[in-house]
Amino acid sequence: MRHQPNRLSAAAKRTIVGARQTAMRWLVVLAMVPTVSLAACETDSGCSDDFDCAGALVCRVSTGKCELFICDDNADCSDGKSCNDNVCE
């Protein structure tokens, strides 16, 4: 008896091609992640808006630096202090 090479059915070939296409899409997406992450980082010129800062950080416009949130209005400050550019004074 002569040995026949394994032949894939048309459905199996479509499954393999589909899996390759999906893998390639994921590679493209994963390659873009560092680019998107870098775009969300503070630039060399500093921040000008909270959207320039990553995560829960806020932009202190006077310094152009991203920092932890302290206050947004006077109600966030204690002891009668007032909020000025994310600082209770």
N, C-alpha and C. Protein backbone atom coordinates (compact mmCIF):
# COMPACT_ATOMS: atom_id res chain seq x y z
N MET A 1 0.84 -1.16 0.00
CA MET A 1 0.00 0.00 0.00
C MET A 1 0.89 1.23 0.00
N ARG A 2 0.56 2.12 -0.86
CA ARG A 2 1.34 3.33 -1.01
C ARG A 2 0.84 4.39 -0.04
N HIS A 3 1.77 5.12 0.61
CA HIS A 3 1.40 6.14 1.58
C HIS A 3 0.97 7.42 0.88
N GLN A 4 -0.21 7.92 1.21
CA GLN A 4 -0.72 9.16 0.66
C GLN A 4 -0.37 10.32 1.60
N PRO A 5 0.16 11.41 1.07
CA PRO A 5 0.45 12.56 1.93
C PRO A 5 -0.85 13.10 2.53
N ASN A 6 -0.74 13.66 3.72
CA ASN A 6 -1.92 14.25 4.36
C ASN A 6 -2.39 15.45 3.54
N ARG A 7 -3.65 15.43 3.24
CA ARG A 7 -4.23 16.55 2.50
C ARG A 7 -5.28 17.20 3.38
N LEU A 8 -5.19 18.51 3.45
CA LEU A 8 -6.15 19.24 4.27
C LEU A 8 -7.41 19.51 3.48
N SER A 9 -8.51 19.48 4.18
CA SER A 9 -9.77 19.81 3.52
C SER A 9 -9.82 21.31 3.30
N ALA A 10 -10.74 21.75 2.48
CA ALA A 10 -10.89 23.19 2.20
C ALA A 10 -11.25 23.94 3.48
N ALA A 11 -12.07 23.33 4.33
CA ALA A 11 -12.45 23.98 5.59
C ALA A 11 -11.24 24.14 6.50
N ALA A 12 -10.38 23.15 6.56
CA ALA A 12 -9.18 23.23 7.40
C ALA A 12 -8.24 24.31 6.88
N LYS A 13 -8.11 24.41 5.56
CA LYS A 13 -7.26 25.45 4.98
C LYS A 13 -7.80 26.84 5.31
N ARG A 14 -9.14 27.01 5.24
CA ARG A 14 -9.73 28.30 5.59
C ARG A 14 -9.49 28.63 7.06
N THR A 15 -9.54 27.65 7.92
CA THR A 15 -9.29 27.86 9.35
C THR A 15 -7.86 28.32 9.59
N ILE A 16 -6.92 27.69 8.91
CA ILE A 16 -5.51 28.06 9.06
C ILE A 16 -5.27 29.47 8.55
N VAL A 17 -5.83 29.80 7.39
CA VAL A 17 -5.67 31.14 6.82
C VAL A 17 -6.31 32.17 7.75
N GLY A 18 -7.48 31.86 8.28
CA GLY A 18 -8.14 32.78 9.21
C GLY A 18 -7.33 33.00 10.47
N ALA A 19 -6.72 31.94 10.97
CA ALA A 19 -5.90 32.06 12.18
C ALA A 19 -4.66 32.92 11.91
N ARG A 20 -4.07 32.75 10.74
CA ARG A 20 -2.91 33.58 10.37
C ARG A 20 -3.30 35.04 10.27
N GLN A 21 -4.45 35.32 9.65
CA GLN A 21 -4.90 36.70 9.51
C GLN A 21 -5.17 37.32 10.88
N THR A 22 -5.78 36.57 11.77
CA THR A 22 -6.05 37.07 13.12
C THR A 22 -4.74 37.34 13.85
N ALA A 23 -3.78 36.45 13.72
CA ALA A 23 -2.48 36.64 14.38
C ALA A 23 -1.79 37.89 13.84
N MET A 24 -1.87 38.12 12.56
CA MET A 24 -1.25 39.31 11.96
C MET A 24 -1.93 40.58 12.45
N ARG A 25 -3.25 40.54 12.58
CA ARG A 25 -3.97 41.71 13.10
C ARG A 25 -3.51 42.03 14.51
N TRP A 26 -3.37 41.00 15.35
CA TRP A 26 -2.92 41.22 16.73
C TRP A 26 -1.50 41.75 16.77
N LEU A 27 -0.64 41.29 15.88
CA LEU A 27 0.72 41.82 15.84
C LEU A 27 0.73 43.30 15.51
N VAL A 28 -0.12 43.69 14.58
CA VAL A 28 -0.21 45.11 14.22
C VAL A 28 -0.72 45.92 15.42
N VAL A 29 -1.76 45.43 16.08
CA VAL A 29 -2.31 46.13 17.25
C VAL A 29 -1.26 46.24 18.35
N LEU A 30 -0.56 45.15 18.64
CA LEU A 30 0.45 45.16 19.70
C LEU A 30 1.62 46.07 19.34
N ALA A 31 1.94 46.15 18.07
CA ALA A 31 3.02 47.04 17.64
C ALA A 31 2.64 48.51 17.84
N MET A 32 1.34 48.81 17.80
CA MET A 32 0.88 50.18 17.96
C MET A 32 0.78 50.60 19.43
N VAL A 33 0.72 49.67 20.36
CA VAL A 33 0.54 50.00 21.78
C VAL A 33 1.61 50.95 22.30
N PRO A 34 2.91 50.71 22.07
CA PRO A 34 3.90 51.65 22.57
C PRO A 34 3.74 53.05 21.97
N THR A 35 3.34 53.13 20.71
CA THR A 35 3.15 54.42 20.06
C THR A 35 2.02 55.19 20.72
N VAL A 36 0.91 54.52 21.00
CA VAL A 36 -0.22 55.17 21.65
C VAL A 36 0.16 55.56 23.07
N SER A 37 0.87 54.72 23.77
CA SER A 37 1.29 55.02 25.14
C SER A 37 2.20 56.23 25.17
N LEU A 38 3.12 56.33 24.23
CA LEU A 38 4.02 57.48 24.20
C LEU A 38 3.27 58.75 23.87
N ALA A 39 2.25 58.66 23.06
CA ALA A 39 1.48 59.85 22.70
C ALA A 39 0.74 60.42 23.90
N ALA A 40 0.41 59.56 24.88
CA ALA A 40 -0.31 60.02 26.06
C ALA A 40 0.61 60.58 27.13
N CYS A 41 1.92 60.47 26.95
CA CYS A 41 2.87 60.94 27.95
C CYS A 41 3.08 62.44 27.85
N GLU A 42 3.54 62.99 28.93
CA GLU A 42 3.90 64.40 28.98
C GLU A 42 5.02 64.66 27.98
N THR A 43 4.93 65.73 27.24
CA THR A 43 5.93 66.06 26.24
C THR A 43 7.08 66.82 26.89
N ASP A 44 8.14 67.06 26.12
CA ASP A 44 9.29 67.82 26.62
C ASP A 44 8.90 69.23 27.02
N SER A 45 7.90 69.78 26.35
CA SER A 45 7.47 71.14 26.66
C SER A 45 6.53 71.18 27.86
N GLY A 46 6.19 70.03 28.43
CA GLY A 46 5.32 69.97 29.60
C GLY A 46 3.87 69.81 29.21
N CYS A 47 3.02 69.83 30.23
CA CYS A 47 1.59 69.66 29.99
C CYS A 47 0.92 71.03 29.96
N SER A 48 -0.21 71.07 29.28
CA SER A 48 -1.00 72.29 29.26
C SER A 48 -2.45 72.01 29.63
N ASP A 49 -2.77 70.72 29.83
CA ASP A 49 -4.13 70.30 30.15
C ASP A 49 -4.05 68.94 30.83
N ASP A 50 -5.06 68.61 31.63
CA ASP A 50 -5.08 67.31 32.32
C ASP A 50 -5.00 66.14 31.34
N PHE A 51 -5.50 66.32 30.13
CA PHE A 51 -5.48 65.25 29.14
C PHE A 51 -4.05 64.93 28.68
N ASP A 52 -3.12 65.83 28.94
CA ASP A 52 -1.71 65.58 28.59
C ASP A 52 -1.04 64.65 29.59
N CYS A 53 -1.69 64.41 30.73
CA CYS A 53 -1.10 63.61 31.80
C CYS A 53 -1.67 62.20 31.81
N ALA A 54 -0.85 61.25 32.20
CA ALA A 54 -1.25 59.84 32.23
C ALA A 54 -2.06 59.52 33.48
N GLY A 55 -2.93 58.55 33.37
CA GLY A 55 -3.67 58.02 34.51
C GLY A 55 -4.43 59.08 35.27
N ALA A 56 -4.28 59.06 36.61
CA ALA A 56 -5.02 59.97 37.48
C ALA A 56 -4.25 61.26 37.76
N LEU A 57 -3.16 61.48 37.06
CA LEU A 57 -2.39 62.69 37.26
C LEU A 57 -3.10 63.89 36.63
N VAL A 58 -2.86 65.08 37.19
CA VAL A 58 -3.43 66.31 36.65
C VAL A 58 -2.30 67.25 36.28
N CYS A 59 -2.59 68.19 35.41
CA CYS A 59 -1.58 69.14 34.96
C CYS A 59 -1.59 70.38 35.85
N ARG A 60 -0.45 70.71 36.40
CA ARG A 60 -0.29 71.98 37.10
C ARG A 60 0.23 72.96 36.05
N VAL A 61 -0.69 73.77 35.55
CA VAL A 61 -0.42 74.61 34.39
C VAL A 61 0.75 75.57 34.65
N SER A 62 0.86 76.08 35.86
CA SER A 62 1.91 77.06 36.15
C SER A 62 3.31 76.49 36.00
N THR A 63 3.47 75.18 36.23
CA THR A 63 4.79 74.55 36.10
C THR A 63 4.90 73.69 34.85
N GLY A 64 3.75 73.35 34.26
CA GLY A 64 3.76 72.47 33.09
C GLY A 64 4.10 71.04 33.44
N LYS A 65 3.90 70.64 34.70
CA LYS A 65 4.23 69.29 35.17
C LYS A 65 2.97 68.54 35.58
N CYS A 66 2.98 67.23 35.33
CA CYS A 66 1.90 66.35 35.77
C CYS A 66 2.17 65.95 37.21
N GLU A 67 1.13 65.98 38.05
CA GLU A 67 1.29 65.62 39.46
C GLU A 67 0.00 65.02 39.99
N LEU A 68 0.06 64.49 41.20
CA LEU A 68 -1.11 63.91 41.84
C LEU A 68 -2.15 64.99 42.09
N PHE A 69 -3.41 64.62 42.03
CA PHE A 69 -4.51 65.56 42.27
C PHE A 69 -4.52 65.98 43.74
N ILE A 70 -4.59 67.29 43.97
CA ILE A 70 -4.73 67.85 45.33
C ILE A 70 -6.11 68.50 45.44
N CYS A 71 -6.39 69.44 44.56
CA CYS A 71 -7.69 70.12 44.63
C CYS A 71 -8.11 70.64 43.27
N ASP A 72 -9.42 70.79 43.13
CA ASP A 72 -9.99 71.36 41.91
C ASP A 72 -10.73 72.65 42.25
N ASP A 73 -11.30 72.69 43.45
CA ASP A 73 -11.96 73.91 43.92
C ASP A 73 -11.79 74.02 45.43
N ASN A 74 -12.25 75.10 46.01
CA ASN A 74 -12.02 75.37 47.43
C ASN A 74 -12.61 74.30 48.34
N ALA A 75 -13.65 73.61 47.91
CA ALA A 75 -14.27 72.56 48.73
C ALA A 75 -13.31 71.39 48.96
N ASP A 76 -12.31 71.23 48.10
CA ASP A 76 -11.33 70.16 48.26
C ASP A 76 -10.28 70.48 49.32
N CYS A 77 -10.20 71.73 49.75
CA CYS A 77 -9.20 72.16 50.72
C CYS A 77 -9.82 72.25 52.11
N SER A 78 -9.00 72.04 53.13
CA SER A 78 -9.49 72.14 54.50
C SER A 78 -9.00 73.43 55.15
N ASP A 79 -9.48 73.71 56.35
CA ASP A 79 -9.05 74.85 57.16
C ASP A 79 -9.21 76.19 56.46
N GLY A 80 -10.28 76.34 55.64
CA GLY A 80 -10.55 77.61 55.00
C GLY A 80 -9.57 78.00 53.91
N LYS A 81 -8.73 77.08 53.50
CA LYS A 81 -7.78 77.38 52.43
C LYS A 81 -8.50 77.39 51.09
N SER A 82 -7.90 78.03 50.10
CA SER A 82 -8.48 78.07 48.77
C SER A 82 -7.60 77.31 47.79
N CYS A 83 -8.23 76.77 46.77
CA CYS A 83 -7.52 76.00 45.75
C CYS A 83 -7.04 76.91 44.64
N ASN A 84 -5.76 76.83 44.34
CA ASN A 84 -5.18 77.63 43.27
C ASN A 84 -4.20 76.74 42.50
N ASP A 85 -4.56 76.38 41.29
CA ASP A 85 -3.69 75.57 40.42
C ASP A 85 -3.23 74.28 41.09
N ASN A 86 -4.21 73.54 41.66
CA ASN A 86 -3.98 72.24 42.30
C ASN A 86 -3.19 72.33 43.60
N VAL A 87 -3.20 73.50 44.24
CA VAL A 87 -2.52 73.70 45.52
C VAL A 87 -3.48 74.37 46.48
N CYS A 88 -3.62 73.82 47.70
CA CYS A 88 -4.41 74.47 48.73
C CYS A 88 -3.54 75.51 49.43
N GLU A 89 -3.97 76.77 49.35
CA GLU A 89 -3.19 77.85 49.94
C GLU A 89 -3.98 78.56 51.02
